[in-house]
Amino acid sequence: MLFARELRDELAERGRVRVAMTRDDDRYLTLDQRAELARRLGASVYLSLHIDSAPNPLARGATVYSLSDVASDAEAARLAMKENSDDGLTSEPDGSVRGILSDLALREQMNSSASLAERLVRKSAGRYQLRPEPHRFADFRVLRHAEVPAVLFEAGYISNVDDEAMLLQPEKRAQIVLALAQAIEADVASRIVR
């Protein structure tokens, strides 16, 4: 939660985008409630912030996930399945004009989300540890239902001693926050000028 508040404060101080958080305390919101809030507020971008954990204590580095019908790898598929809970996602094409338009909108959302993720990786490179191939894809329910460019950002692994130490240091978190803020601002600005 601290990490999200720091990003909110950085973006507010920079004054280029408005920020709304899905929650500011420990109350639980379903994935659908989180996505609904983004839709209701007319969000331009949706960012889901997390800190990862893995059985392998050597796993470390930040990862950025964007929406895709097909997972980039088995690990991304497992994470999406875990995050999505028991509610599997299905979207059967119905061939109607509405179905075709919905599919086109979803493809545009996936492309825009991938662009946001790539921008985030570029802004992050050299500032803090990224995983090898840091941009990954999967069918995350919260990203799909946000209906805007959306990414899930894993800041590092709490199960890794070095990542945990880095995430506990305010000056190190500030580097991550700045990269996220710059990527968000650049993404929103790129869509305004279109």
N, C-alpha and C. Protein backbone atom coordinates (compact mmCIF):
# COMPACT_ATOMS: atom_id res chain seq x y z
N MET A 1 0.82 -1.18 0.00
CA MET A 1 0.00 0.00 0.00
C MET A 1 0.88 1.26 0.00
N LEU A 2 1.99 1.20 0.73
CA LEU A 2 2.90 2.33 0.79
C LEU A 2 3.41 2.68 -0.61
N PHE A 3 3.76 1.66 -1.35
CA PHE A 3 4.28 1.83 -2.71
C PHE A 3 3.24 2.56 -3.59
N ALA A 4 1.98 2.15 -3.51
CA ALA A 4 0.91 2.77 -4.29
C ALA A 4 0.71 4.23 -3.87
N ARG A 5 0.76 4.48 -2.58
CA ARG A 5 0.61 5.86 -2.10
C ARG A 5 1.75 6.74 -2.59
N GLU A 6 2.96 6.19 -2.60
CA GLU A 6 4.10 6.97 -3.08
C GLU A 6 3.94 7.31 -4.56
N LEU A 7 3.43 6.37 -5.35
CA LEU A 7 3.19 6.65 -6.77
C LEU A 7 2.08 7.70 -6.92
N ARG A 8 1.02 7.55 -6.16
CA ARG A 8 -0.07 8.55 -6.20
C ARG A 8 0.47 9.94 -5.88
N ASP A 9 1.27 10.04 -4.82
CA ASP A 9 1.81 11.33 -4.40
C ASP A 9 2.74 11.92 -5.45
N GLU A 10 3.57 11.08 -6.07
CA GLU A 10 4.49 11.55 -7.11
C GLU A 10 3.71 12.09 -8.31
N LEU A 11 2.71 11.35 -8.75
CA LEU A 11 1.90 11.80 -9.89
C LEU A 11 1.14 13.08 -9.55
N ALA A 12 0.60 13.16 -8.35
CA ALA A 12 -0.12 14.36 -7.94
C ALA A 12 0.81 15.56 -7.89
N GLU A 13 2.02 15.37 -7.37
CA GLU A 13 2.99 16.46 -7.28
C GLU A 13 3.41 16.94 -8.67
N ARG A 14 3.57 16.01 -9.60
CA ARG A 14 3.98 16.37 -10.96
C ARG A 14 2.84 17.08 -11.70
N GLY A 15 1.59 16.77 -11.33
CA GLY A 15 0.43 17.50 -11.83
C GLY A 15 0.03 17.28 -13.28
N ARG A 16 0.51 16.24 -13.91
CA ARG A 16 0.18 16.02 -15.32
C ARG A 16 -1.00 15.08 -15.54
N VAL A 17 -1.29 14.26 -14.54
CA VAL A 17 -2.43 13.35 -14.63
C VAL A 17 -3.17 13.34 -13.29
N ARG A 18 -4.44 13.05 -13.35
CA ARG A 18 -5.22 12.86 -12.13
C ARG A 18 -5.08 11.41 -11.70
N VAL A 19 -5.12 11.17 -10.41
CA VAL A 19 -4.93 9.83 -9.89
C VAL A 19 -6.11 9.45 -9.00
N ALA A 20 -6.58 8.23 -9.16
CA ALA A 20 -7.56 7.65 -8.26
C ALA A 20 -7.07 6.26 -7.90
N MET A 21 -7.18 5.92 -6.64
CA MET A 21 -6.77 4.59 -6.19
C MET A 21 -8.02 3.75 -5.97
N THR A 22 -7.92 2.47 -6.27
CA THR A 22 -9.08 1.60 -6.06
C THR A 22 -9.35 1.41 -4.58
N ARG A 23 -8.30 1.53 -3.77
CA ARG A 23 -8.47 1.47 -2.32
C ARG A 23 -7.28 2.12 -1.65
N ASP A 24 -7.50 2.60 -0.43
CA ASP A 24 -6.44 3.28 0.32
C ASP A 24 -6.33 2.68 1.72
N ASP A 25 -6.84 1.46 1.87
CA ASP A 25 -6.77 0.75 3.14
C ASP A 25 -6.74 -0.75 2.85
N ASP A 26 -6.89 -1.56 3.87
CA ASP A 26 -6.77 -3.01 3.69
C ASP A 26 -8.08 -3.71 3.37
N ARG A 27 -9.12 -2.96 3.07
CA ARG A 27 -10.38 -3.64 2.73
C ARG A 27 -10.23 -4.35 1.39
N TYR A 28 -10.96 -5.43 1.26
CA TYR A 28 -10.86 -6.25 0.05
C TYR A 28 -11.87 -5.78 -0.99
N LEU A 29 -11.40 -5.64 -2.22
CA LEU A 29 -12.27 -5.38 -3.36
C LEU A 29 -12.07 -6.51 -4.35
N THR A 30 -13.16 -7.00 -4.92
CA THR A 30 -13.02 -8.04 -5.93
C THR A 30 -12.35 -7.45 -7.17
N LEU A 31 -11.86 -8.32 -8.03
CA LEU A 31 -11.25 -7.87 -9.27
C LEU A 31 -12.24 -7.07 -10.10
N ASP A 32 -13.48 -7.55 -10.14
CA ASP A 32 -14.51 -6.84 -10.90
C ASP A 32 -14.80 -5.46 -10.32
N GLN A 33 -14.80 -5.34 -8.98
CA GLN A 33 -15.03 -4.03 -8.36
C GLN A 33 -13.90 -3.07 -8.69
N ARG A 34 -12.67 -3.56 -8.74
CA ARG A 34 -11.53 -2.71 -9.07
C ARG A 34 -11.63 -2.21 -10.51
N ALA A 35 -11.94 -3.12 -11.42
CA ALA A 35 -12.08 -2.74 -12.83
C ALA A 35 -13.28 -1.81 -13.03
N GLU A 36 -14.37 -2.07 -12.33
CA GLU A 36 -15.56 -1.23 -12.43
C GLU A 36 -15.25 0.20 -12.00
N LEU A 37 -14.46 0.35 -10.97
CA LEU A 37 -14.09 1.69 -10.51
C LEU A 37 -13.33 2.44 -11.61
N ALA A 38 -12.42 1.76 -12.27
CA ALA A 38 -11.66 2.39 -13.36
C ALA A 38 -12.61 2.81 -14.49
N ARG A 39 -13.55 1.95 -14.83
CA ARG A 39 -14.51 2.29 -15.89
C ARG A 39 -15.40 3.45 -15.47
N ARG A 40 -15.90 3.41 -14.24
CA ARG A 40 -16.81 4.45 -13.75
C ARG A 40 -16.13 5.82 -13.72
N LEU A 41 -14.85 5.85 -13.39
CA LEU A 41 -14.12 7.11 -13.33
C LEU A 41 -13.63 7.58 -14.70
N GLY A 42 -13.79 6.74 -15.72
CA GLY A 42 -13.32 7.10 -17.05
C GLY A 42 -11.80 7.15 -17.12
N ALA A 43 -11.15 6.20 -16.46
CA ALA A 43 -9.69 6.17 -16.40
C ALA A 43 -9.08 6.08 -17.79
N SER A 44 -7.92 6.70 -17.94
CA SER A 44 -7.15 6.61 -19.19
C SER A 44 -6.20 5.43 -19.15
N VAL A 45 -5.78 5.06 -17.94
CA VAL A 45 -4.80 3.99 -17.73
C VAL A 45 -5.17 3.29 -16.42
N TYR A 46 -4.93 1.99 -16.38
CA TYR A 46 -5.14 1.23 -15.14
C TYR A 46 -3.84 0.51 -14.82
N LEU A 47 -3.34 0.70 -13.60
CA LEU A 47 -2.11 0.07 -13.15
C LEU A 47 -2.41 -0.71 -11.88
N SER A 48 -2.16 -2.01 -11.92
CA SER A 48 -2.34 -2.87 -10.76
C SER A 48 -0.96 -3.15 -10.17
N LEU A 49 -0.70 -2.66 -8.96
CA LEU A 49 0.63 -2.78 -8.34
C LEU A 49 0.69 -3.97 -7.39
N HIS A 50 1.80 -4.71 -7.48
CA HIS A 50 1.99 -5.89 -6.64
C HIS A 50 3.46 -6.05 -6.28
N ILE A 51 3.70 -6.87 -5.27
CA ILE A 51 5.03 -7.36 -4.95
C ILE A 51 4.92 -8.88 -4.99
N ASP A 52 5.80 -9.51 -5.75
CA ASP A 52 5.71 -10.93 -6.04
C ASP A 52 6.35 -11.77 -4.94
N SER A 53 6.14 -13.06 -5.01
CA SER A 53 6.76 -14.04 -4.13
C SER A 53 6.93 -15.32 -4.94
N ALA A 54 7.98 -16.07 -4.67
CA ALA A 54 8.22 -17.31 -5.41
C ALA A 54 8.89 -18.33 -4.50
N PRO A 55 8.67 -19.61 -4.78
CA PRO A 55 9.34 -20.65 -3.99
C PRO A 55 10.87 -20.60 -4.15
N ASN A 56 11.32 -20.12 -5.31
CA ASN A 56 12.75 -20.01 -5.57
C ASN A 56 13.26 -18.69 -4.99
N PRO A 57 14.08 -18.72 -3.94
CA PRO A 57 14.55 -17.49 -3.31
C PRO A 57 15.50 -16.67 -4.20
N LEU A 58 15.94 -17.25 -5.32
CA LEU A 58 16.82 -16.53 -6.23
C LEU A 58 16.04 -15.72 -7.27
N ALA A 59 14.74 -15.97 -7.39
CA ALA A 59 13.92 -15.20 -8.34
C ALA A 59 13.89 -13.76 -7.88
N ARG A 60 14.21 -12.84 -8.82
CA ARG A 60 14.21 -11.43 -8.45
C ARG A 60 13.98 -10.56 -9.66
N GLY A 61 13.62 -9.30 -9.39
CA GLY A 61 13.43 -8.32 -10.44
C GLY A 61 11.96 -8.02 -10.70
N ALA A 62 11.73 -6.87 -11.29
CA ALA A 62 10.37 -6.41 -11.60
C ALA A 62 9.88 -7.03 -12.91
N THR A 63 8.57 -7.22 -12.99
CA THR A 63 7.92 -7.77 -14.18
C THR A 63 6.70 -6.91 -14.49
N VAL A 64 6.45 -6.71 -15.78
CA VAL A 64 5.28 -5.97 -16.24
C VAL A 64 4.44 -6.91 -17.09
N TYR A 65 3.18 -7.07 -16.72
CA TYR A 65 2.26 -7.94 -17.45
C TYR A 65 1.23 -7.09 -18.17
N SER A 66 0.98 -7.45 -19.42
CA SER A 66 -0.13 -6.82 -20.14
C SER A 66 -1.09 -7.90 -20.60
N LEU A 67 -2.27 -7.48 -21.00
CA LEU A 67 -3.36 -8.38 -21.35
C LEU A 67 -3.12 -9.08 -22.68
N SER A 68 -3.40 -10.37 -22.70
CA SER A 68 -3.33 -11.17 -23.91
C SER A 68 -4.24 -12.38 -23.74
N ASP A 69 -4.80 -12.84 -24.84
CA ASP A 69 -5.60 -14.08 -24.78
C ASP A 69 -4.71 -15.28 -24.51
N VAL A 70 -3.46 -15.20 -24.92
CA VAL A 70 -2.51 -16.31 -24.78
C VAL A 70 -1.35 -15.84 -23.90
N ALA A 71 -1.02 -16.62 -22.90
CA ALA A 71 0.08 -16.27 -22.00
C ALA A 71 1.42 -16.38 -22.70
N SER A 72 2.34 -15.51 -22.34
CA SER A 72 3.67 -15.51 -22.93
C SER A 72 4.49 -16.72 -22.50
N ASP A 73 4.18 -17.26 -21.32
CA ASP A 73 4.92 -18.42 -20.82
C ASP A 73 4.09 -19.08 -19.72
N ALA A 74 4.53 -20.25 -19.28
CA ALA A 74 3.79 -21.01 -18.28
C ALA A 74 3.68 -20.25 -16.95
N GLU A 75 4.74 -19.54 -16.59
CA GLU A 75 4.72 -18.77 -15.34
C GLU A 75 3.67 -17.67 -15.38
N ALA A 76 3.58 -16.95 -16.51
CA ALA A 76 2.57 -15.90 -16.66
C ALA A 76 1.17 -16.51 -16.61
N ALA A 77 0.99 -17.66 -17.23
CA ALA A 77 -0.32 -18.33 -17.21
C ALA A 77 -0.70 -18.72 -15.78
N ARG A 78 0.26 -19.25 -15.02
CA ARG A 78 -0.03 -19.63 -13.63
C ARG A 78 -0.39 -18.40 -12.79
N LEU A 79 0.36 -17.31 -12.98
CA LEU A 79 0.07 -16.10 -12.21
C LEU A 79 -1.32 -15.57 -12.54
N ALA A 80 -1.66 -15.54 -13.81
CA ALA A 80 -2.99 -15.06 -14.20
C ALA A 80 -4.08 -15.95 -13.61
N MET A 81 -3.87 -17.27 -13.65
CA MET A 81 -4.87 -18.18 -13.09
C MET A 81 -5.02 -17.93 -11.59
N LYS A 82 -3.91 -17.72 -10.90
CA LYS A 82 -3.96 -17.44 -9.46
C LYS A 82 -4.67 -16.11 -9.19
N GLU A 83 -4.31 -15.07 -9.94
CA GLU A 83 -4.91 -13.75 -9.75
C GLU A 83 -6.39 -13.73 -10.11
N ASN A 84 -6.76 -14.51 -11.10
CA ASN A 84 -8.14 -14.52 -11.58
C ASN A 84 -9.08 -15.29 -10.68
N SER A 85 -8.54 -16.00 -9.70
CA SER A 85 -9.35 -16.78 -8.79
C SER A 85 -9.96 -17.94 -9.54
N ASP A 86 -11.17 -18.34 -9.14
CA ASP A 86 -11.84 -19.47 -9.79
C ASP A 86 -12.69 -19.04 -10.97
N ASP A 87 -12.78 -17.76 -11.24
CA ASP A 87 -13.64 -17.26 -12.31
C ASP A 87 -12.88 -17.26 -13.62
N GLY A 88 -12.98 -18.33 -14.38
CA GLY A 88 -12.31 -18.39 -15.67
C GLY A 88 -12.93 -17.41 -16.64
N LEU A 89 -12.13 -16.94 -17.56
CA LEU A 89 -12.60 -15.99 -18.56
C LEU A 89 -12.85 -16.71 -19.86
N THR A 90 -13.99 -16.48 -20.42
CA THR A 90 -14.26 -17.03 -21.74
C THR A 90 -14.87 -15.93 -22.57
N SER A 91 -14.52 -15.91 -23.80
CA SER A 91 -15.15 -14.97 -24.71
C SER A 91 -15.36 -15.69 -26.03
N GLU A 92 -16.51 -16.24 -26.17
CA GLU A 92 -16.85 -16.97 -27.39
C GLU A 92 -17.33 -15.98 -28.43
N PRO A 93 -16.72 -15.96 -29.59
CA PRO A 93 -17.19 -15.05 -30.63
C PRO A 93 -18.59 -15.44 -31.07
N ASP A 94 -19.46 -14.46 -31.19
CA ASP A 94 -20.83 -14.77 -31.60
C ASP A 94 -21.11 -14.36 -33.04
N GLY A 95 -20.17 -13.70 -33.69
CA GLY A 95 -20.35 -13.36 -35.10
C GLY A 95 -21.22 -12.15 -35.34
N SER A 96 -21.86 -11.61 -34.30
CA SER A 96 -22.72 -10.45 -34.48
C SER A 96 -21.86 -9.20 -34.63
N VAL A 97 -22.48 -8.14 -35.11
CA VAL A 97 -21.76 -6.87 -35.23
C VAL A 97 -21.27 -6.43 -33.86
N ARG A 98 -22.11 -6.59 -32.85
CA ARG A 98 -21.71 -6.23 -31.49
C ARG A 98 -20.50 -7.06 -31.05
N GLY A 99 -20.52 -8.35 -31.34
CA GLY A 99 -19.40 -9.22 -30.99
C GLY A 99 -18.13 -8.83 -31.71
N ILE A 100 -18.26 -8.48 -32.98
CA ILE A 100 -17.09 -8.08 -33.77
C ILE A 100 -16.53 -6.77 -33.23
N LEU A 101 -17.40 -5.80 -32.93
CA LEU A 101 -16.94 -4.52 -32.39
C LEU A 101 -16.28 -4.71 -31.01
N SER A 102 -16.86 -5.60 -30.22
CA SER A 102 -16.29 -5.88 -28.91
C SER A 102 -14.90 -6.49 -29.06
N ASP A 103 -14.75 -7.40 -30.02
CA ASP A 103 -13.46 -8.03 -30.26
C ASP A 103 -12.43 -7.00 -30.74
N LEU A 104 -12.85 -6.09 -31.61
CA LEU A 104 -11.95 -5.03 -32.09
C LEU A 104 -11.51 -4.12 -30.95
N ALA A 105 -12.46 -3.78 -30.07
CA ALA A 105 -12.13 -2.93 -28.92
C ALA A 105 -11.14 -3.65 -27.99
N LEU A 106 -11.35 -4.95 -27.80
CA LEU A 106 -10.45 -5.72 -26.95
C LEU A 106 -9.05 -5.79 -27.57
N ARG A 107 -8.96 -5.97 -28.87
CA ARG A 107 -7.65 -6.00 -29.55
C ARG A 107 -6.94 -4.66 -29.38
N GLU A 108 -7.68 -3.56 -29.51
CA GLU A 108 -7.08 -2.23 -29.32
C GLU A 108 -6.60 -2.06 -27.88
N GLN A 109 -7.40 -2.54 -26.93
CA GLN A 109 -7.01 -2.48 -25.52
C GLN A 109 -5.73 -3.29 -25.30
N MET A 110 -5.63 -4.47 -25.90
CA MET A 110 -4.42 -5.30 -25.75
C MET A 110 -3.21 -4.60 -26.35
N ASN A 111 -3.37 -4.02 -27.53
CA ASN A 111 -2.25 -3.31 -28.17
C ASN A 111 -1.80 -2.11 -27.34
N SER A 112 -2.77 -1.33 -26.85
CA SER A 112 -2.44 -0.16 -26.03
C SER A 112 -1.80 -0.57 -24.71
N SER A 113 -2.26 -1.68 -24.14
CA SER A 113 -1.68 -2.18 -22.89
C SER A 113 -0.25 -2.64 -23.12
N ALA A 114 0.00 -3.31 -24.23
CA ALA A 114 1.36 -3.75 -24.55
C ALA A 114 2.28 -2.55 -24.75
N SER A 115 1.77 -1.50 -25.39
CA SER A 115 2.57 -0.27 -25.57
C SER A 115 2.90 0.37 -24.22
N LEU A 116 1.93 0.41 -23.32
CA LEU A 116 2.17 0.95 -21.97
C LEU A 116 3.22 0.10 -21.26
N ALA A 117 3.12 -1.20 -21.35
CA ALA A 117 4.08 -2.09 -20.70
C ALA A 117 5.49 -1.88 -21.27
N GLU A 118 5.59 -1.76 -22.58
CA GLU A 118 6.90 -1.55 -23.21
C GLU A 118 7.49 -0.20 -22.80
N ARG A 119 6.65 0.82 -22.70
CA ARG A 119 7.10 2.14 -22.25
C ARG A 119 7.61 2.05 -20.81
N LEU A 120 6.90 1.31 -19.99
CA LEU A 120 7.29 1.15 -18.60
C LEU A 120 8.64 0.43 -18.50
N VAL A 121 8.83 -0.58 -19.31
CA VAL A 121 10.12 -1.30 -19.30
C VAL A 121 11.24 -0.37 -19.73
N ARG A 122 11.01 0.41 -20.78
CA ARG A 122 12.05 1.36 -21.26
C ARG A 122 12.41 2.37 -20.18
N LYS A 123 11.40 2.93 -19.50
CA LYS A 123 11.66 3.92 -18.45
C LYS A 123 12.36 3.30 -17.24
N SER A 124 12.18 1.99 -17.05
CA SER A 124 12.73 1.30 -15.89
C SER A 124 14.15 0.82 -16.10
N ALA A 125 14.52 0.55 -17.33
CA ALA A 125 15.83 -0.05 -17.63
C ALA A 125 16.96 0.78 -17.03
N GLY A 126 17.81 0.12 -16.27
CA GLY A 126 18.96 0.77 -15.66
C GLY A 126 18.67 1.46 -14.34
N ARG A 127 17.41 1.61 -13.99
CA ARG A 127 17.07 2.28 -12.72
C ARG A 127 16.93 1.28 -11.58
N TYR A 128 16.46 0.08 -11.91
CA TYR A 128 16.32 -0.98 -10.93
C TYR A 128 16.27 -2.31 -11.65
N GLN A 129 16.38 -3.37 -10.87
CA GLN A 129 16.46 -4.73 -11.42
C GLN A 129 15.16 -5.13 -12.09
N LEU A 130 15.27 -5.54 -13.35
CA LEU A 130 14.15 -6.12 -14.08
C LEU A 130 14.43 -7.61 -14.29
N ARG A 131 13.39 -8.37 -14.40
CA ARG A 131 13.57 -9.79 -14.73
C ARG A 131 14.03 -9.90 -16.18
N PRO A 132 14.67 -11.02 -16.51
CA PRO A 132 14.93 -11.26 -17.93
C PRO A 132 13.58 -11.30 -18.65
N GLU A 133 13.50 -10.71 -19.81
CA GLU A 133 12.22 -10.60 -20.53
C GLU A 133 11.14 -10.07 -19.59
N PRO A 134 11.28 -8.82 -19.15
CA PRO A 134 10.39 -8.29 -18.11
C PRO A 134 8.95 -8.05 -18.56
N HIS A 135 8.70 -7.92 -19.86
CA HIS A 135 7.32 -7.72 -20.33
C HIS A 135 6.74 -9.08 -20.69
N ARG A 136 5.70 -9.45 -19.97
CA ARG A 136 5.03 -10.73 -20.18
C ARG A 136 3.55 -10.50 -20.40
N PHE A 137 2.88 -11.52 -20.90
CA PHE A 137 1.47 -11.40 -21.28
C PHE A 137 0.66 -12.51 -20.64
N ALA A 138 -0.58 -12.20 -20.28
CA ALA A 138 -1.51 -13.22 -19.81
C ALA A 138 -2.91 -12.61 -19.76
N ASP A 139 -3.88 -13.47 -19.56
CA ASP A 139 -5.29 -13.05 -19.53
C ASP A 139 -5.71 -12.75 -18.10
N PHE A 140 -5.30 -11.59 -17.59
CA PHE A 140 -5.67 -11.17 -16.25
C PHE A 140 -7.06 -10.55 -16.26
N ARG A 141 -7.91 -11.08 -15.43
CA ARG A 141 -9.29 -10.60 -15.36
C ARG A 141 -9.38 -9.09 -15.10
N VAL A 142 -8.61 -8.59 -14.14
CA VAL A 142 -8.69 -7.18 -13.77
C VAL A 142 -8.23 -6.29 -14.93
N LEU A 143 -7.27 -6.75 -15.72
CA LEU A 143 -6.81 -5.95 -16.86
C LEU A 143 -7.86 -5.96 -17.97
N ARG A 144 -8.42 -7.13 -18.24
CA ARG A 144 -9.44 -7.25 -19.30
C ARG A 144 -10.66 -6.38 -18.99
N HIS A 145 -11.11 -6.44 -17.77
CA HIS A 145 -12.36 -5.75 -17.41
C HIS A 145 -12.20 -4.26 -17.15
N ALA A 146 -10.97 -3.79 -17.07
CA ALA A 146 -10.76 -2.34 -16.90
C ALA A 146 -11.17 -1.58 -18.17
N GLU A 147 -11.07 -2.24 -19.32
CA GLU A 147 -11.48 -1.69 -20.62
C GLU A 147 -10.69 -0.44 -21.01
N VAL A 148 -9.48 -0.29 -20.49
CA VAL A 148 -8.54 0.77 -20.85
C VAL A 148 -7.16 0.14 -20.89
N PRO A 149 -6.16 0.83 -21.45
CA PRO A 149 -4.81 0.30 -21.38
C PRO A 149 -4.48 0.01 -19.91
N ALA A 150 -4.04 -1.21 -19.65
CA ALA A 150 -3.85 -1.65 -18.27
C ALA A 150 -2.66 -2.60 -18.18
N VAL A 151 -1.91 -2.47 -17.09
CA VAL A 151 -0.81 -3.39 -16.82
C VAL A 151 -0.82 -3.79 -15.36
N LEU A 152 -0.27 -4.96 -15.12
CA LEU A 152 -0.05 -5.44 -13.77
C LEU A 152 1.45 -5.38 -13.55
N PHE A 153 1.89 -4.64 -12.55
CA PHE A 153 3.30 -4.43 -12.28
C PHE A 153 3.70 -5.14 -11.00
N GLU A 154 4.64 -6.07 -11.12
CA GLU A 154 5.23 -6.76 -9.97
C GLU A 154 6.57 -6.09 -9.70
N ALA A 155 6.69 -5.36 -8.59
CA ALA A 155 7.87 -4.54 -8.31
C ALA A 155 9.11 -5.34 -7.97
N GLY A 156 8.97 -6.59 -7.66
CA GLY A 156 10.09 -7.43 -7.28
C GLY A 156 9.56 -8.57 -6.42
N TYR A 157 10.48 -9.33 -5.84
CA TYR A 157 10.11 -10.51 -5.06
C TYR A 157 10.41 -10.30 -3.59
N ILE A 158 9.38 -10.33 -2.79
CA ILE A 158 9.53 -10.22 -1.35
C ILE A 158 10.24 -11.47 -0.81
N SER A 159 10.22 -12.55 -1.59
CA SER A 159 10.88 -13.80 -1.20
C SER A 159 12.37 -13.80 -1.54
N ASN A 160 12.87 -12.72 -2.15
CA ASN A 160 14.29 -12.59 -2.47
C ASN A 160 14.90 -11.54 -1.53
N VAL A 161 15.99 -11.90 -0.87
CA VAL A 161 16.61 -11.02 0.12
C VAL A 161 16.99 -9.66 -0.48
N ASP A 162 17.57 -9.66 -1.68
CA ASP A 162 18.00 -8.41 -2.31
C ASP A 162 16.82 -7.54 -2.73
N ASP A 163 15.79 -8.16 -3.33
CA ASP A 163 14.60 -7.39 -3.71
C ASP A 163 13.89 -6.84 -2.48
N GLU A 164 13.77 -7.67 -1.45
CA GLU A 164 13.10 -7.20 -0.22
C GLU A 164 13.83 -6.00 0.35
N ALA A 165 15.15 -6.08 0.43
CA ALA A 165 15.94 -4.96 0.96
C ALA A 165 15.75 -3.71 0.10
N MET A 166 15.74 -3.88 -1.21
CA MET A 166 15.55 -2.75 -2.12
C MET A 166 14.17 -2.12 -1.92
N LEU A 167 13.14 -2.96 -1.80
CA LEU A 167 11.78 -2.44 -1.66
C LEU A 167 11.54 -1.77 -0.30
N LEU A 168 12.37 -2.07 0.67
CA LEU A 168 12.24 -1.44 1.98
C LEU A 168 12.93 -0.08 2.05
N GLN A 169 13.76 0.24 1.07
CA GLN A 169 14.50 1.51 1.07
C GLN A 169 13.72 2.58 0.30
N PRO A 170 13.34 3.66 0.98
CA PRO A 170 12.56 4.72 0.32
C PRO A 170 13.22 5.27 -0.94
N GLU A 171 14.54 5.44 -0.94
CA GLU A 171 15.20 6.00 -2.12
C GLU A 171 15.17 5.02 -3.30
N LYS A 172 15.19 3.73 -3.04
CA LYS A 172 15.11 2.73 -4.12
C LYS A 172 13.68 2.66 -4.66
N ARG A 173 12.69 2.69 -3.75
CA ARG A 173 11.29 2.72 -4.21
C ARG A 173 11.04 3.97 -5.03
N ALA A 174 11.68 5.07 -4.66
CA ALA A 174 11.49 6.33 -5.40
C ALA A 174 11.93 6.19 -6.84
N GLN A 175 12.95 5.39 -7.12
CA GLN A 175 13.39 5.16 -8.50
C GLN A 175 12.32 4.42 -9.29
N ILE A 176 11.70 3.43 -8.66
CA ILE A 176 10.63 2.68 -9.32
C ILE A 176 9.44 3.60 -9.54
N VAL A 177 9.07 4.35 -8.53
CA VAL A 177 7.93 5.27 -8.61
C VAL A 177 8.13 6.29 -9.72
N LEU A 178 9.32 6.84 -9.84
CA LEU A 178 9.59 7.82 -10.89
C LEU A 178 9.45 7.20 -12.28
N ALA A 179 9.98 6.00 -12.46
CA ALA A 179 9.84 5.32 -13.76
C ALA A 179 8.38 5.06 -14.09
N LEU A 180 7.61 4.61 -13.11
CA LEU A 180 6.17 4.37 -13.33
C LEU A 180 5.46 5.67 -13.67
N ALA A 181 5.75 6.73 -12.93
CA ALA A 181 5.10 8.03 -13.16
C ALA A 181 5.40 8.53 -14.57
N GLN A 182 6.66 8.46 -14.97
CA GLN A 182 7.04 8.94 -16.31
C GLN A 182 6.37 8.11 -17.40
N ALA A 183 6.30 6.81 -17.22
CA ALA A 183 5.66 5.95 -18.22
C ALA A 183 4.17 6.24 -18.32
N ILE A 184 3.52 6.42 -17.20
CA ILE A 184 2.08 6.73 -17.20
C ILE A 184 1.83 8.07 -17.89
N GLU A 185 2.59 9.08 -17.53
CA GLU A 185 2.42 10.40 -18.14
C GLU A 185 2.65 10.35 -19.65
N ALA A 186 3.69 9.67 -20.07
CA ALA A 186 4.00 9.57 -21.51
C ALA A 186 2.89 8.82 -22.23
N ASP A 187 2.36 7.79 -21.61
CA ASP A 187 1.29 7.00 -22.25
C ASP A 187 0.03 7.83 -22.42
N VAL A 188 -0.37 8.51 -21.36
CA VAL A 188 -1.57 9.34 -21.42
C VAL A 188 -1.38 10.46 -22.46
N ALA A 189 -0.22 11.09 -22.46
CA ALA A 189 0.06 12.17 -23.43
C ALA A 189 0.04 11.64 -24.85
N SER A 190 0.54 10.44 -25.09
CA SER A 190 0.58 9.90 -26.46
C SER A 190 -0.82 9.68 -27.02
N ARG A 191 -1.77 9.36 -26.16
CA ARG A 191 -3.14 9.13 -26.63
C ARG A 191 -3.93 10.43 -26.76
N ILE A 192 -3.52 11.46 -26.04
CA ILE A 192 -4.20 12.76 -26.14
C ILE A 192 -3.90 13.41 -27.48
N VAL A 193 -2.68 13.27 -27.97
CA VAL A 193 -2.28 13.94 -29.21
C VAL A 193 -2.76 13.21 -30.47
N ARG A 194 -3.28 12.01 -30.33
CA ARG A 194 -3.77 11.26 -31.49
C ARG A 194 -4.98 11.90 -32.12
